Amino acid sequence: MNKDALLIKITEGFFKNAEQNKLEVVYGENLKFIAWSISKNDNLKNFLDNPFISLSEKNEALDNIFGDVINSDVLRFAKILLEQNLLNSIWQVRQIYHDLLNDSKDILEGKIYTPFELSEDQINKLEEIFSQKTRKTSIFHQIIDKDLIAGIKVVINGYQYEYTIKDELSKRKNKIIQAIKEEENYGK
């Protein structure tokens, strides 16, 4: 089994455990905290990656660092990841878990690219429109993209919806080029 498939499988099992305990959000926040802690602390990351340090010493370190802060099931899961040499993929595990959580709550997260800041009301209106369109709760994160001339680009659920002047100009340019090519071929 490849690494990505393994990460998905064990994260799905972990998520089912969270659902049974009705602690899906808590587990998700705990995973996020572990991922953030490891990524922000090079000494911890190097310690956990060091092949000359025993697994029991690494587990003890996880207990000392996270034992009083996170749920014991999440700590056990982190130790399983460590044992399987997968703890360095904690951000990927956290994203898989986050996607499973969103799926369970019928939530789609997307991105809105704009050349300027949208108001909260504008974002809420777009979320409402896309929630109706997708029949799931849509949540958007705004990204400022100065390359856009005007308008917006929405990316959600693997689809891209572009309502920008840049896109419109590109379409018109392609139509003109196509018309010129057709005219050249017709004249031959």
N, C-alpha and C. Protein backbone atom coordinates (compact mmCIF):
# COMPACT_ATOMS: atom_id res chain seq x y z
N MET A 1 0.86 -1.18 0.00
CA MET A 1 0.00 0.00 0.00
C MET A 1 0.90 1.23 0.00
N ASN A 2 0.60 2.20 -0.89
CA ASN A 2 1.44 3.39 -0.92
C ASN A 2 1.14 4.30 0.27
N LYS A 3 2.03 5.24 0.49
CA LYS A 3 1.96 6.10 1.68
C LYS A 3 0.66 6.90 1.73
N ASP A 4 0.23 7.50 0.60
CA ASP A 4 -0.99 8.30 0.59
C ASP A 4 -2.21 7.46 0.93
N ALA A 5 -2.29 6.27 0.36
CA ALA A 5 -3.42 5.38 0.65
C ALA A 5 -3.41 4.97 2.12
N LEU A 6 -2.24 4.71 2.67
CA LEU A 6 -2.12 4.35 4.08
C LEU A 6 -2.57 5.50 4.97
N LEU A 7 -2.15 6.72 4.64
CA LEU A 7 -2.54 7.89 5.44
C LEU A 7 -4.06 8.06 5.43
N ILE A 8 -4.66 7.88 4.26
CA ILE A 8 -6.12 8.01 4.15
C ILE A 8 -6.80 6.95 5.00
N LYS A 9 -6.34 5.73 4.88
CA LYS A 9 -6.97 4.60 5.60
C LYS A 9 -6.89 4.78 7.11
N ILE A 10 -5.71 5.11 7.63
CA ILE A 10 -5.60 5.24 9.09
C ILE A 10 -6.31 6.49 9.59
N THR A 11 -6.35 7.54 8.78
CA THR A 11 -7.06 8.75 9.20
C THR A 11 -8.56 8.51 9.20
N GLU A 12 -9.05 7.74 8.23
CA GLU A 12 -10.48 7.39 8.22
C GLU A 12 -10.85 6.60 9.48
N GLY A 13 -9.99 5.65 9.87
CA GLY A 13 -10.23 4.89 11.09
C GLY A 13 -10.24 5.78 12.32
N PHE A 14 -9.30 6.70 12.36
CA PHE A 14 -9.22 7.65 13.47
C PHE A 14 -10.47 8.53 13.51
N PHE A 15 -10.94 8.95 12.33
CA PHE A 15 -12.13 9.79 12.26
C PHE A 15 -13.36 9.02 12.75
N LYS A 16 -13.47 7.76 12.40
CA LYS A 16 -14.60 6.94 12.87
C LYS A 16 -14.59 6.85 14.39
N ASN A 17 -13.41 6.72 14.97
CA ASN A 17 -13.28 6.71 16.42
C ASN A 17 -13.76 8.04 17.00
N ALA A 18 -13.39 9.14 16.36
CA ALA A 18 -13.83 10.46 16.82
C ALA A 18 -15.35 10.59 16.75
N GLU A 19 -15.94 10.07 15.66
CA GLU A 19 -17.40 10.11 15.52
C GLU A 19 -18.07 9.30 16.63
N GLN A 20 -17.55 8.13 16.90
CA GLN A 20 -18.13 7.28 17.96
C GLN A 20 -18.09 7.99 19.31
N ASN A 21 -17.03 8.74 19.54
CA ASN A 21 -16.88 9.47 20.80
C ASN A 21 -17.53 10.84 20.76
N LYS A 22 -18.08 11.21 19.59
CA LYS A 22 -18.70 12.52 19.37
C LYS A 22 -17.73 13.65 19.71
N LEU A 23 -16.46 13.47 19.28
CA LEU A 23 -15.41 14.45 19.54
C LEU A 23 -14.68 14.84 18.26
N GLU A 24 -15.41 14.84 17.12
CA GLU A 24 -14.78 15.09 15.83
C GLU A 24 -14.04 16.44 15.80
N VAL A 25 -14.67 17.48 16.32
CA VAL A 25 -14.06 18.81 16.27
C VAL A 25 -12.86 18.88 17.22
N VAL A 26 -13.00 18.30 18.41
CA VAL A 26 -11.89 18.31 19.38
C VAL A 26 -10.68 17.58 18.81
N TYR A 27 -10.90 16.40 18.24
CA TYR A 27 -9.80 15.65 17.66
C TYR A 27 -9.14 16.45 16.53
N GLY A 28 -9.96 17.10 15.72
CA GLY A 28 -9.42 17.91 14.63
C GLY A 28 -8.55 19.04 15.13
N GLU A 29 -9.02 19.72 16.17
CA GLU A 29 -8.24 20.83 16.74
C GLU A 29 -6.96 20.31 17.39
N ASN A 30 -7.04 19.15 18.02
CA ASN A 30 -5.84 18.55 18.62
C ASN A 30 -4.82 18.18 17.55
N LEU A 31 -5.27 17.61 16.43
CA LEU A 31 -4.35 17.30 15.33
C LEU A 31 -3.70 18.57 14.79
N LYS A 32 -4.50 19.60 14.66
CA LYS A 32 -3.98 20.89 14.17
C LYS A 32 -2.91 21.42 15.13
N PHE A 33 -3.15 21.30 16.43
CA PHE A 33 -2.20 21.77 17.43
C PHE A 33 -0.88 20.99 17.35
N ILE A 34 -0.98 19.67 17.23
CA ILE A 34 0.23 18.85 17.11
C ILE A 34 1.01 19.23 15.86
N ALA A 35 0.31 19.33 14.73
CA ALA A 35 0.96 19.68 13.47
C ALA A 35 1.65 21.04 13.58
N TRP A 36 0.96 22.00 14.14
CA TRP A 36 1.51 23.34 14.30
C TRP A 36 2.73 23.31 15.22
N SER A 37 2.62 22.60 16.34
CA SER A 37 3.72 22.53 17.31
C SER A 37 4.97 21.93 16.70
N ILE A 38 4.80 20.86 15.95
CA ILE A 38 5.97 20.21 15.34
C ILE A 38 6.57 21.09 14.25
N SER A 39 5.72 21.73 13.45
CA SER A 39 6.24 22.55 12.35
C SER A 39 6.94 23.80 12.86
N LYS A 40 6.56 24.29 14.03
CA LYS A 40 7.16 25.52 14.56
C LYS A 40 8.36 25.27 15.46
N ASN A 41 8.68 24.01 15.72
CA ASN A 41 9.77 23.70 16.62
C ASN A 41 10.75 22.75 15.93
N ASP A 42 11.81 23.31 15.36
CA ASP A 42 12.79 22.50 14.64
C ASP A 42 13.46 21.48 15.55
N ASN A 43 13.70 21.83 16.81
CA ASN A 43 14.34 20.88 17.74
C ASN A 43 13.46 19.66 17.94
N LEU A 44 12.15 19.88 18.10
CA LEU A 44 11.23 18.77 18.28
C LEU A 44 11.15 17.93 17.01
N LYS A 45 11.08 18.60 15.89
CA LYS A 45 11.00 17.89 14.61
C LYS A 45 12.25 17.02 14.42
N ASN A 46 13.43 17.59 14.67
CA ASN A 46 14.68 16.84 14.51
C ASN A 46 14.77 15.69 15.51
N PHE A 47 14.30 15.92 16.72
CA PHE A 47 14.29 14.86 17.75
C PHE A 47 13.43 13.69 17.29
N LEU A 48 12.22 13.99 16.80
CA LEU A 48 11.29 12.93 16.39
C LEU A 48 11.75 12.22 15.13
N ASP A 49 12.52 12.90 14.29
CA ASP A 49 13.02 12.31 13.04
C ASP A 49 14.33 11.55 13.23
N ASN A 50 14.98 11.72 14.36
CA ASN A 50 16.30 11.14 14.60
C ASN A 50 16.22 9.61 14.76
N PRO A 51 16.86 8.87 13.85
CA PRO A 51 16.79 7.40 13.92
C PRO A 51 17.60 6.81 15.08
N PHE A 52 18.44 7.61 15.73
CA PHE A 52 19.27 7.11 16.82
C PHE A 52 18.59 7.27 18.18
N ILE A 53 17.41 7.88 18.18
CA ILE A 53 16.65 8.02 19.43
C ILE A 53 15.57 6.94 19.41
N SER A 54 15.45 6.23 20.51
CA SER A 54 14.51 5.09 20.57
C SER A 54 13.06 5.57 20.50
N LEU A 55 12.21 4.67 20.07
CA LEU A 55 10.78 4.95 19.98
C LEU A 55 10.21 5.26 21.35
N SER A 56 10.67 4.54 22.37
CA SER A 56 10.16 4.79 23.73
C SER A 56 10.52 6.20 24.21
N GLU A 57 11.73 6.68 23.87
CA GLU A 57 12.12 8.05 24.24
C GLU A 57 11.26 9.08 23.50
N LYS A 58 10.97 8.80 22.24
CA LYS A 58 10.12 9.71 21.45
C LYS A 58 8.70 9.72 22.00
N ASN A 59 8.18 8.54 22.35
CA ASN A 59 6.84 8.46 22.93
C ASN A 59 6.77 9.21 24.27
N GLU A 60 7.82 9.07 25.05
CA GLU A 60 7.88 9.78 26.33
C GLU A 60 7.89 11.29 26.10
N ALA A 61 8.61 11.72 25.09
CA ALA A 61 8.64 13.16 24.76
C ALA A 61 7.24 13.64 24.36
N LEU A 62 6.55 12.85 23.54
CA LEU A 62 5.18 13.22 23.15
C LEU A 62 4.28 13.30 24.38
N ASP A 63 4.43 12.34 25.31
CA ASP A 63 3.66 12.37 26.55
C ASP A 63 3.94 13.64 27.34
N ASN A 64 5.23 13.99 27.46
CA ASN A 64 5.62 15.17 28.24
C ASN A 64 5.13 16.47 27.59
N ILE A 65 5.16 16.52 26.28
CA ILE A 65 4.78 17.75 25.59
C ILE A 65 3.27 17.90 25.46
N PHE A 66 2.60 16.81 25.07
CA PHE A 66 1.18 16.91 24.73
C PHE A 66 0.24 16.23 25.73
N GLY A 67 0.77 15.45 26.66
CA GLY A 67 -0.05 14.64 27.54
C GLY A 67 -1.14 15.38 28.29
N ASP A 68 -0.84 16.57 28.78
CA ASP A 68 -1.82 17.34 29.55
C ASP A 68 -2.63 18.30 28.69
N VAL A 69 -2.35 18.31 27.38
CA VAL A 69 -2.95 19.33 26.53
C VAL A 69 -3.97 18.77 25.54
N ILE A 70 -3.75 17.54 25.09
CA ILE A 70 -4.64 16.99 24.06
C ILE A 70 -5.33 15.72 24.55
N ASN A 71 -6.35 15.33 23.86
CA ASN A 71 -7.10 14.12 24.15
C ASN A 71 -6.19 12.90 24.06
N SER A 72 -6.39 11.96 24.96
CA SER A 72 -5.51 10.78 25.02
C SER A 72 -5.60 9.93 23.74
N ASP A 73 -6.78 9.88 23.10
CA ASP A 73 -6.90 9.14 21.83
C ASP A 73 -6.07 9.79 20.73
N VAL A 74 -6.05 11.10 20.72
CA VAL A 74 -5.26 11.82 19.71
C VAL A 74 -3.78 11.59 19.96
N LEU A 75 -3.39 11.58 21.21
CA LEU A 75 -1.99 11.31 21.55
C LEU A 75 -1.60 9.90 21.12
N ARG A 76 -2.48 8.92 21.36
CA ARG A 76 -2.20 7.54 20.91
C ARG A 76 -2.07 7.49 19.38
N PHE A 77 -2.93 8.23 18.71
CA PHE A 77 -2.87 8.28 17.24
C PHE A 77 -1.54 8.87 16.78
N ALA A 78 -1.09 9.93 17.43
CA ALA A 78 0.20 10.54 17.09
C ALA A 78 1.34 9.54 17.30
N LYS A 79 1.23 8.75 18.34
CA LYS A 79 2.25 7.72 18.60
C LYS A 79 2.23 6.63 17.52
N ILE A 80 1.03 6.29 17.05
CA ILE A 80 0.94 5.31 15.95
C ILE A 80 1.60 5.88 14.70
N LEU A 81 1.33 7.14 14.42
CA LEU A 81 1.98 7.79 13.26
C LEU A 81 3.50 7.78 13.42
N LEU A 82 3.95 8.06 14.62
CA LEU A 82 5.39 8.05 14.90
C LEU A 82 5.97 6.66 14.69
N GLU A 83 5.30 5.65 15.22
CA GLU A 83 5.76 4.27 15.10
C GLU A 83 5.84 3.83 13.64
N GLN A 84 4.91 4.31 12.82
CA GLN A 84 4.87 3.95 11.40
C GLN A 84 5.71 4.89 10.53
N ASN A 85 6.51 5.76 11.18
CA ASN A 85 7.32 6.77 10.48
C ASN A 85 6.47 7.67 9.59
N LEU A 86 5.31 8.05 10.09
CA LEU A 86 4.39 8.89 9.34
C LEU A 86 4.11 10.23 10.04
N LEU A 87 4.73 10.46 11.18
CA LEU A 87 4.44 11.69 11.91
C LEU A 87 4.88 12.93 11.12
N ASN A 88 5.87 12.76 10.25
CA ASN A 88 6.30 13.90 9.43
C ASN A 88 5.23 14.25 8.38
N SER A 89 4.20 13.43 8.25
CA SER A 89 3.07 13.71 7.34
C SER A 89 1.85 14.22 8.11
N ILE A 90 2.08 14.76 9.30
CA ILE A 90 0.97 15.18 10.16
C ILE A 90 0.09 16.24 9.51
N TRP A 91 0.68 17.15 8.71
CA TRP A 91 -0.15 18.17 8.05
C TRP A 91 -1.06 17.52 7.02
N GLN A 92 -0.57 16.52 6.32
CA GLN A 92 -1.39 15.81 5.35
C GLN A 92 -2.52 15.04 6.07
N VAL A 93 -2.18 14.39 7.17
CA VAL A 93 -3.17 13.68 7.98
C VAL A 93 -4.22 14.67 8.48
N ARG A 94 -3.77 15.80 8.94
CA ARG A 94 -4.69 16.81 9.44
C ARG A 94 -5.64 17.29 8.33
N GLN A 95 -5.14 17.45 7.12
CA GLN A 95 -5.98 17.88 6.00
C GLN A 95 -6.99 16.80 5.62
N ILE A 96 -6.55 15.55 5.60
CA ILE A 96 -7.47 14.44 5.32
C ILE A 96 -8.58 14.42 6.37
N TYR A 97 -8.19 14.56 7.63
CA TYR A 97 -9.17 14.57 8.72
C TYR A 97 -10.14 15.74 8.55
N HIS A 98 -9.62 16.91 8.23
CA HIS A 98 -10.44 18.11 8.04
C HIS A 98 -11.44 17.90 6.90
N ASP A 99 -11.00 17.28 5.83
CA ASP A 99 -11.90 16.99 4.70
C ASP A 99 -12.99 16.00 5.11
N LEU A 100 -12.63 14.98 5.89
CA LEU A 100 -13.62 14.02 6.39
C LEU A 100 -14.64 14.70 7.30
N LEU A 101 -14.16 15.61 8.13
CA LEU A 101 -15.05 16.35 9.02
C LEU A 101 -16.02 17.20 8.21
N ASN A 102 -15.50 17.91 7.21
CA ASN A 102 -16.37 18.73 6.36
C ASN A 102 -17.39 17.88 5.62
N ASP A 103 -16.95 16.74 5.09
CA ASP A 103 -17.87 15.84 4.39
C ASP A 103 -18.99 15.37 5.31
N SER A 104 -18.64 15.06 6.54
CA SER A 104 -19.64 14.56 7.49
C SER A 104 -20.67 15.63 7.85
N LYS A 105 -20.30 16.88 7.70
CA LYS A 105 -21.20 17.99 8.03
C LYS A 105 -21.75 18.68 6.78
N ASP A 106 -21.54 18.06 5.61
CA ASP A 106 -22.00 18.64 4.32
C ASP A 106 -21.50 20.06 4.12
N ILE A 107 -20.21 20.24 4.36
CA ILE A 107 -19.57 21.55 4.19
C ILE A 107 -18.57 21.46 3.05
N LEU A 108 -18.61 22.46 2.18
CA LEU A 108 -17.60 22.60 1.12
C LEU A 108 -16.81 23.87 1.40
N GLU A 109 -15.50 23.76 1.40
CA GLU A 109 -14.66 24.94 1.56
C GLU A 109 -14.12 25.32 0.20
N GLY A 110 -14.08 26.61 -0.05
CA GLY A 110 -13.58 27.09 -1.32
C GLY A 110 -12.76 28.35 -1.13
N LYS A 111 -12.24 28.82 -2.24
CA LYS A 111 -11.43 30.04 -2.23
C LYS A 111 -12.02 31.04 -3.22
N ILE A 112 -12.01 32.29 -2.82
CA ILE A 112 -12.43 33.39 -3.69
C ILE A 112 -11.20 34.24 -3.95
N TYR A 113 -10.84 34.35 -5.22
CA TYR A 113 -9.71 35.19 -5.61
C TYR A 113 -10.27 36.50 -6.13
N THR A 114 -9.82 37.60 -5.57
CA THR A 114 -10.26 38.93 -6.01
C THR A 114 -9.06 39.87 -6.01
N PRO A 115 -9.13 40.95 -6.84
CA PRO A 115 -8.04 41.91 -6.83
C PRO A 115 -8.16 42.91 -5.67
N PHE A 116 -9.24 42.81 -4.91
CA PHE A 116 -9.50 43.75 -3.81
C PHE A 116 -10.26 43.00 -2.70
N GLU A 117 -10.29 43.60 -1.52
CA GLU A 117 -10.96 42.99 -0.38
C GLU A 117 -12.48 43.05 -0.54
N LEU A 118 -13.14 41.90 -0.36
CA LEU A 118 -14.60 41.86 -0.37
C LEU A 118 -15.11 42.09 1.05
N SER A 119 -16.30 42.67 1.15
CA SER A 119 -16.90 42.86 2.47
C SER A 119 -17.43 41.52 2.97
N GLU A 120 -17.68 41.46 4.25
CA GLU A 120 -18.22 40.23 4.84
C GLU A 120 -19.59 39.91 4.23
N ASP A 121 -20.39 40.95 3.97
CA ASP A 121 -21.70 40.75 3.34
C ASP A 121 -21.57 40.15 1.94
N GLN A 122 -20.59 40.61 1.17
CA GLN A 122 -20.38 40.08 -0.17
C GLN A 122 -19.97 38.61 -0.12
N ILE A 123 -19.09 38.29 0.80
CA ILE A 123 -18.66 36.89 0.95
C ILE A 123 -19.84 36.03 1.39
N ASN A 124 -20.63 36.53 2.35
CA ASN A 124 -21.80 35.78 2.81
C ASN A 124 -22.79 35.54 1.67
N LYS A 125 -22.98 36.53 0.80
CA LYS A 125 -23.89 36.37 -0.33
C LYS A 125 -23.37 35.29 -1.28
N LEU A 126 -22.07 35.30 -1.57
CA LEU A 126 -21.48 34.26 -2.42
C LEU A 126 -21.61 32.88 -1.77
N GLU A 127 -21.39 32.81 -0.46
CA GLU A 127 -21.55 31.53 0.24
C GLU A 127 -22.99 31.03 0.12
N GLU A 128 -23.93 31.94 0.24
CA GLU A 128 -25.35 31.58 0.12
C GLU A 128 -25.66 31.07 -1.30
N ILE A 129 -25.17 31.76 -2.30
CA ILE A 129 -25.41 31.36 -3.70
C ILE A 129 -24.83 29.98 -3.97
N PHE A 130 -23.60 29.76 -3.55
CA PHE A 130 -22.96 28.47 -3.81
C PHE A 130 -23.52 27.36 -2.92
N SER A 131 -24.02 27.70 -1.74
CA SER A 131 -24.68 26.71 -0.90
C SER A 131 -25.94 26.19 -1.59
N GLN A 132 -26.68 27.09 -2.22
CA GLN A 132 -27.87 26.68 -2.97
C GLN A 132 -27.48 25.86 -4.18
N LYS A 133 -26.44 26.28 -4.85
CA LYS A 133 -25.98 25.59 -6.07
C LYS A 133 -25.48 24.17 -5.77
N THR A 134 -24.74 24.00 -4.69
CA THR A 134 -24.12 22.72 -4.36
C THR A 134 -24.94 21.88 -3.39
N ARG A 135 -25.94 22.49 -2.79
CA ARG A 135 -26.77 21.84 -1.76
C ARG A 135 -25.95 21.40 -0.55
N LYS A 136 -24.87 22.10 -0.33
CA LYS A 136 -24.04 21.92 0.86
C LYS A 136 -23.67 23.30 1.38
N THR A 137 -23.34 23.38 2.64
CA THR A 137 -22.90 24.65 3.20
C THR A 137 -21.56 25.01 2.60
N SER A 138 -21.50 26.16 1.97
CA SER A 138 -20.26 26.62 1.34
C SER A 138 -19.60 27.67 2.24
N ILE A 139 -18.31 27.50 2.43
CA ILE A 139 -17.52 28.45 3.21
C ILE A 139 -16.34 28.87 2.35
N PHE A 140 -16.14 30.18 2.24
CA PHE A 140 -15.07 30.69 1.38
C PHE A 140 -13.98 31.39 2.18
N HIS A 141 -12.76 31.21 1.67
CA HIS A 141 -11.60 31.94 2.18
C HIS A 141 -11.16 32.86 1.05
N GLN A 142 -11.00 34.12 1.38
CA GLN A 142 -10.66 35.11 0.35
C GLN A 142 -9.15 35.21 0.17
N ILE A 143 -8.73 35.28 -1.09
CA ILE A 143 -7.32 35.46 -1.43
C ILE A 143 -7.22 36.65 -2.38
N ILE A 144 -6.40 37.60 -2.02
CA ILE A 144 -6.19 38.77 -2.87
C ILE A 144 -5.22 38.40 -3.97
N ASP A 145 -5.64 38.60 -5.22
CA ASP A 145 -4.84 38.29 -6.40
C ASP A 145 -4.77 39.54 -7.27
N LYS A 146 -3.67 40.24 -7.16
CA LYS A 146 -3.51 41.51 -7.90
C LYS A 146 -3.41 41.31 -9.41
N ASP A 147 -3.21 40.06 -9.87
CA ASP A 147 -3.15 39.79 -11.31
C ASP A 147 -4.53 39.85 -11.96
N LEU A 148 -5.57 39.71 -11.14
CA LEU A 148 -6.92 39.85 -11.69
C LEU A 148 -7.19 41.33 -11.93
N ILE A 149 -7.77 41.64 -13.06
CA ILE A 149 -8.04 43.05 -13.38
C ILE A 149 -9.27 43.51 -12.60
N ALA A 150 -10.32 42.74 -12.66
CA ALA A 150 -11.55 43.01 -11.91
C ALA A 150 -12.35 41.73 -11.90
N GLY A 151 -13.32 41.65 -11.01
CA GLY A 151 -14.15 40.46 -10.93
C GLY A 151 -13.63 39.50 -9.89
N ILE A 152 -14.11 38.25 -9.96
CA ILE A 152 -13.70 37.23 -8.99
C ILE A 152 -13.49 35.89 -9.67
N LYS A 153 -12.71 35.05 -9.01
CA LYS A 153 -12.54 33.66 -9.43
C LYS A 153 -12.86 32.83 -8.18
N VAL A 154 -13.75 31.86 -8.34
CA VAL A 154 -14.17 31.01 -7.24
C VAL A 154 -13.71 29.58 -7.53
N VAL A 155 -13.05 28.97 -6.56
CA VAL A 155 -12.63 27.58 -6.68
C VAL A 155 -13.26 26.82 -5.52
N ILE A 156 -14.12 25.84 -5.88
CA ILE A 156 -14.81 25.05 -4.85
C ILE A 156 -15.13 23.67 -5.40
N ASN A 157 -14.91 22.67 -4.59
CA ASN A 157 -15.26 21.29 -4.93
C ASN A 157 -14.62 20.84 -6.25
N GLY A 158 -13.41 21.29 -6.50
CA GLY A 158 -12.70 20.88 -7.71
C GLY A 158 -13.08 21.64 -8.96
N TYR A 159 -13.98 22.61 -8.84
CA TYR A 159 -14.40 23.40 -10.00
C TYR A 159 -13.94 24.83 -9.85
N GLN A 160 -13.74 25.46 -11.00
CA GLN A 160 -13.32 26.87 -11.01
C GLN A 160 -14.36 27.66 -11.79
N TYR A 161 -14.85 28.71 -11.17
CA TYR A 161 -15.80 29.62 -11.79
C TYR A 161 -15.11 30.97 -11.88
N GLU A 162 -14.95 31.45 -13.09
CA GLU A 162 -14.21 32.70 -13.27
C GLU A 162 -15.12 33.76 -13.85
N TYR A 163 -15.23 34.83 -13.12
CA TYR A 163 -16.04 35.97 -13.54
C TYR A 163 -15.14 37.21 -13.50
N THR A 164 -14.15 37.22 -14.38
CA THR A 164 -13.18 38.31 -14.36
C THR A 164 -13.04 38.94 -15.73
N ILE A 165 -12.59 40.17 -15.73
CA ILE A 165 -12.32 40.86 -17.00
C ILE A 165 -11.18 40.16 -17.71
N LYS A 166 -10.19 39.71 -16.96
CA LYS A 166 -9.06 39.01 -17.55
C LYS A 166 -9.53 37.78 -18.33
N ASP A 167 -10.45 37.03 -17.75
CA ASP A 167 -11.00 35.84 -18.42
C ASP A 167 -11.79 36.25 -19.66
N GLU A 168 -12.59 37.29 -19.53
CA GLU A 168 -13.40 37.76 -20.67
C GLU A 168 -12.49 38.25 -21.80
N LEU A 169 -11.43 38.99 -21.46
CA LEU A 169 -10.50 39.46 -22.49
C LEU A 169 -9.80 38.28 -23.17
N SER A 170 -9.46 37.27 -22.40
CA SER A 170 -8.82 36.08 -22.97
C SER A 170 -9.76 35.37 -23.94
N LYS A 171 -11.03 35.24 -23.57
CA LYS A 171 -12.01 34.61 -24.46
C LYS A 171 -12.16 35.40 -25.76
N ARG A 172 -12.25 36.72 -25.65
CA ARG A 172 -12.40 37.56 -26.85
C ARG A 172 -11.15 37.49 -27.73
N LYS A 173 -9.98 37.46 -27.10
CA LYS A 173 -8.74 37.35 -27.84
C LYS A 173 -8.72 36.05 -28.65
N ASN A 174 -9.13 34.95 -28.00
CA ASN A 174 -9.16 33.65 -28.68
C ASN A 174 -10.16 33.65 -29.83
N LYS A 175 -11.30 34.33 -29.65
CA LYS A 175 -12.30 34.42 -30.73
C LYS A 175 -11.73 35.19 -31.92
N ILE A 176 -11.02 36.26 -31.65
CA ILE A 176 -10.42 37.07 -32.73
C ILE A 176 -9.37 36.25 -33.47
N ILE A 177 -8.52 35.55 -32.72
CA ILE A 177 -7.48 34.72 -33.34
C ILE A 177 -8.12 33.63 -34.19
N GLN A 178 -9.16 33.00 -33.67
CA GLN A 178 -9.86 31.96 -34.43
C GLN A 178 -10.48 32.54 -35.71
N ALA A 179 -11.06 33.72 -35.61
CA ALA A 179 -11.67 34.35 -36.78
C ALA A 179 -10.61 34.67 -37.83
N ILE A 180 -9.45 35.14 -37.41
CA ILE A 180 -8.36 35.45 -38.33
C ILE A 180 -7.88 34.17 -39.02
N LYS A 181 -7.73 33.10 -38.25
CA LYS A 181 -7.29 31.83 -38.81
C LYS A 181 -8.31 31.31 -39.83
N GLU A 182 -9.58 31.42 -39.51
CA GLU A 182 -10.62 30.97 -40.43
C GLU A 182 -10.60 31.80 -41.70
N GLU A 183 -10.39 33.10 -41.56
CA GLU A 183 -10.34 34.01 -42.71
C GLU A 183 -9.14 33.66 -43.59
N GLU A 184 -7.99 33.37 -42.96
CA GLU A 184 -6.80 33.01 -43.72
C GLU A 184 -7.02 31.70 -44.46
N ASN A 185 -7.63 30.71 -43.81
CA ASN A 185 -7.90 29.42 -44.45
C ASN A 185 -8.96 29.55 -45.56
N TYR A 186 -9.91 30.42 -45.37
CA TYR A 186 -10.97 30.62 -46.37
C TYR A 186 -10.40 31.27 -47.64
N GLY A 187 -9.43 32.15 -47.44
CA GLY A 187 -8.83 32.86 -48.58
C GLY A 187 -7.89 32.00 -49.40
N LYS A 188 -7.51 30.85 -48.94
CA LYS A 188 -6.56 29.98 -49.64
C LYS A 188 -7.21 29.18 -50.71
